[in-house]
């Protein structure tokens, strides 16, 4: 079974950047599509981006986020730049094949 652990969240000023990490235990993680989601206070969870095992990428939030993966380290990243207050949310990663979620990491964009 895969376990996912997100990290890298925190408080950042508007216009700043953060890189989130999703580290996986489990040998088959690199064969699965992984997605980042976010859930803002009072809102439904929404898809941010996904990346397949072969590196095919899809973005639901355009322009300021970059998803990548390092299969050697069993890790998927979400690089976020030009952050805005509306990006404030708990960010989750998900193994879409096994339907496993991480516990989330909080990103707060505020001055």
Protein backbone atom coordinates (compact mmCIF):
# COMPACT_ATOMS: atom_id res chain seq x y z
CA UNK A 1 0.00 0.00 0.00
CA UNK A 2 1.21 3.53 -0.77
CA UNK A 3 1.37 6.22 1.90
CA UNK A 4 1.70 9.84 0.84
CA UNK A 5 3.19 12.65 2.92
CA UNK A 6 2.96 16.26 1.80
CA UNK A 7 5.34 18.96 2.99
CA UNK A 8 6.48 22.45 2.10
CA UNK A 9 3.44 24.47 3.04
CA UNK A 10 3.56 27.56 5.17
CA UNK A 11 2.93 31.28 5.31
CA UNK A 12 4.07 33.29 2.30
CA UNK A 13 3.48 36.86 1.21
CA UNK A 14 1.53 37.64 -1.96
CA UNK A 15 3.81 37.31 -4.96
CA UNK A 16 5.98 34.75 -3.23
CA UNK A 17 6.76 31.15 -4.11
CA UNK A 18 6.59 27.76 -2.46
CA UNK A 19 7.47 24.25 -3.51
CA UNK A 20 5.31 21.47 -2.16
CA UNK A 21 6.52 17.89 -2.00
CA UNK A 22 4.55 14.66 -1.99
CA UNK A 23 6.75 11.81 -0.81
CA UNK A 24 5.52 8.26 -1.22
CA UNK A 25 6.32 4.97 0.38
CA UNK A 26 5.56 1.93 -1.71
CA UNK A 27 7.22 0.46 -4.74
CA UNK A 28 4.57 1.08 -7.39
CA UNK A 29 4.03 4.81 -6.85
CA UNK A 30 6.13 5.67 -9.87
CA UNK A 31 3.76 3.72 -12.13
CA UNK A 32 0.73 5.80 -11.19
CA UNK A 33 -0.66 9.17 -12.11
CA UNK A 34 -0.40 11.56 -9.18
CA UNK A 35 -2.50 14.67 -8.74
CA UNK A 36 -2.41 17.74 -6.54
CA UNK A 37 -5.67 19.11 -5.17
CA UNK A 38 -6.48 22.00 -2.90
CA UNK A 39 -9.31 22.90 -0.59
CA UNK A 40 -9.82 26.48 0.44
CA UNK A 41 -11.81 27.36 3.56
CA UNK A 42 -15.51 26.88 2.93
CA UNK A 43 -14.97 25.55 -0.58
CA UNK A 44 -14.92 22.16 -2.25
CA UNK A 45 -11.69 20.37 -2.99
CA UNK A 46 -10.48 21.12 -6.51
CA UNK A 47 -7.94 19.63 -8.86
CA UNK A 48 -4.78 21.66 -9.40
CA UNK A 49 -2.61 19.48 -11.65
CA UNK A 50 -1.72 15.89 -12.44
CA UNK A 51 1.29 14.05 -13.81
CA UNK A 52 1.37 10.56 -15.26
CA UNK A 53 4.06 7.95 -14.77
CA UNK A 54 5.56 8.96 -18.11
CA UNK A 55 5.45 12.68 -17.36
CA UNK A 56 2.29 13.71 -19.17
CA UNK A 57 1.00 16.79 -17.37
CA UNK A 58 -2.40 18.37 -17.10
CA UNK A 59 -3.20 21.63 -15.34
CA UNK A 60 -6.55 22.70 -13.97
CA UNK A 61 -5.08 25.86 -12.45
CA UNK A 62 -3.35 27.65 -15.27
CA UNK A 63 -0.15 29.59 -15.44
CA UNK A 64 1.51 29.85 -12.04
CA UNK A 65 1.96 26.25 -10.94
CA UNK A 66 4.36 23.60 -12.19
CA UNK A 67 4.04 19.91 -11.38
CA UNK A 68 6.98 17.55 -11.69
CA UNK A 69 8.16 14.20 -10.37
CA UNK A 70 11.39 12.51 -9.44
CA UNK A 71 10.77 8.81 -9.74
CA UNK A 72 14.15 7.98 -8.19
CA UNK A 73 12.98 9.68 -4.99
CA UNK A 74 9.33 8.61 -5.16
CA UNK A 75 8.37 12.28 -4.97
CA UNK A 76 6.03 14.59 -6.84
CA UNK A 77 6.42 18.34 -6.56
CA UNK A 78 4.21 21.36 -7.03
CA UNK A 79 6.12 24.57 -7.63
CA UNK A 80 3.90 27.56 -6.99
CA UNK A 81 4.86 31.10 -7.94
CA UNK A 82 3.27 34.56 -7.91
CA UNK A 83 1.05 33.35 -5.11
CA UNK A 84 -2.17 35.18 -4.37
CA UNK A 85 -4.34 35.25 -1.25
CA UNK A 86 -6.91 33.14 -3.09
CA UNK A 87 -4.33 30.35 -3.32
CA UNK A 88 -4.69 29.90 0.44
CA UNK A 89 -5.79 26.30 0.97
CA UNK A 90 -4.83 22.90 2.22
CA UNK A 91 -2.99 21.16 -0.61
CA UNK A 92 -3.28 17.41 -0.99
CA UNK A 93 -1.64 14.88 -3.24
CA UNK A 94 -3.40 11.77 -4.47
CA UNK A 95 -2.35 8.55 -6.09
CA UNK A 96 -5.17 8.35 -8.62
CA UNK A 97 -4.80 4.63 -9.29
CA UNK A 98 -4.85 3.47 -5.68
CA UNK A 99 -7.16 6.30 -4.55
CA UNK A 100 -4.80 7.18 -1.71
CA UNK A 101 -4.60 10.71 -0.31
CA UNK A 102 -2.00 12.41 1.78
CA UNK A 103 -2.86 14.32 4.95
CA UNK A 104 -2.43 17.71 3.32
CA UNK A 105 -0.20 20.71 3.84
CA UNK A 106 -1.52 24.20 4.57
CA UNK A 107 -0.51 27.10 2.35
CA UNK A 108 -1.40 30.56 3.60
CA UNK A 109 -0.81 33.56 1.36
CA UNK A 110 -1.06 36.74 3.37
CA UNK A 111 0.79 39.94 4.07
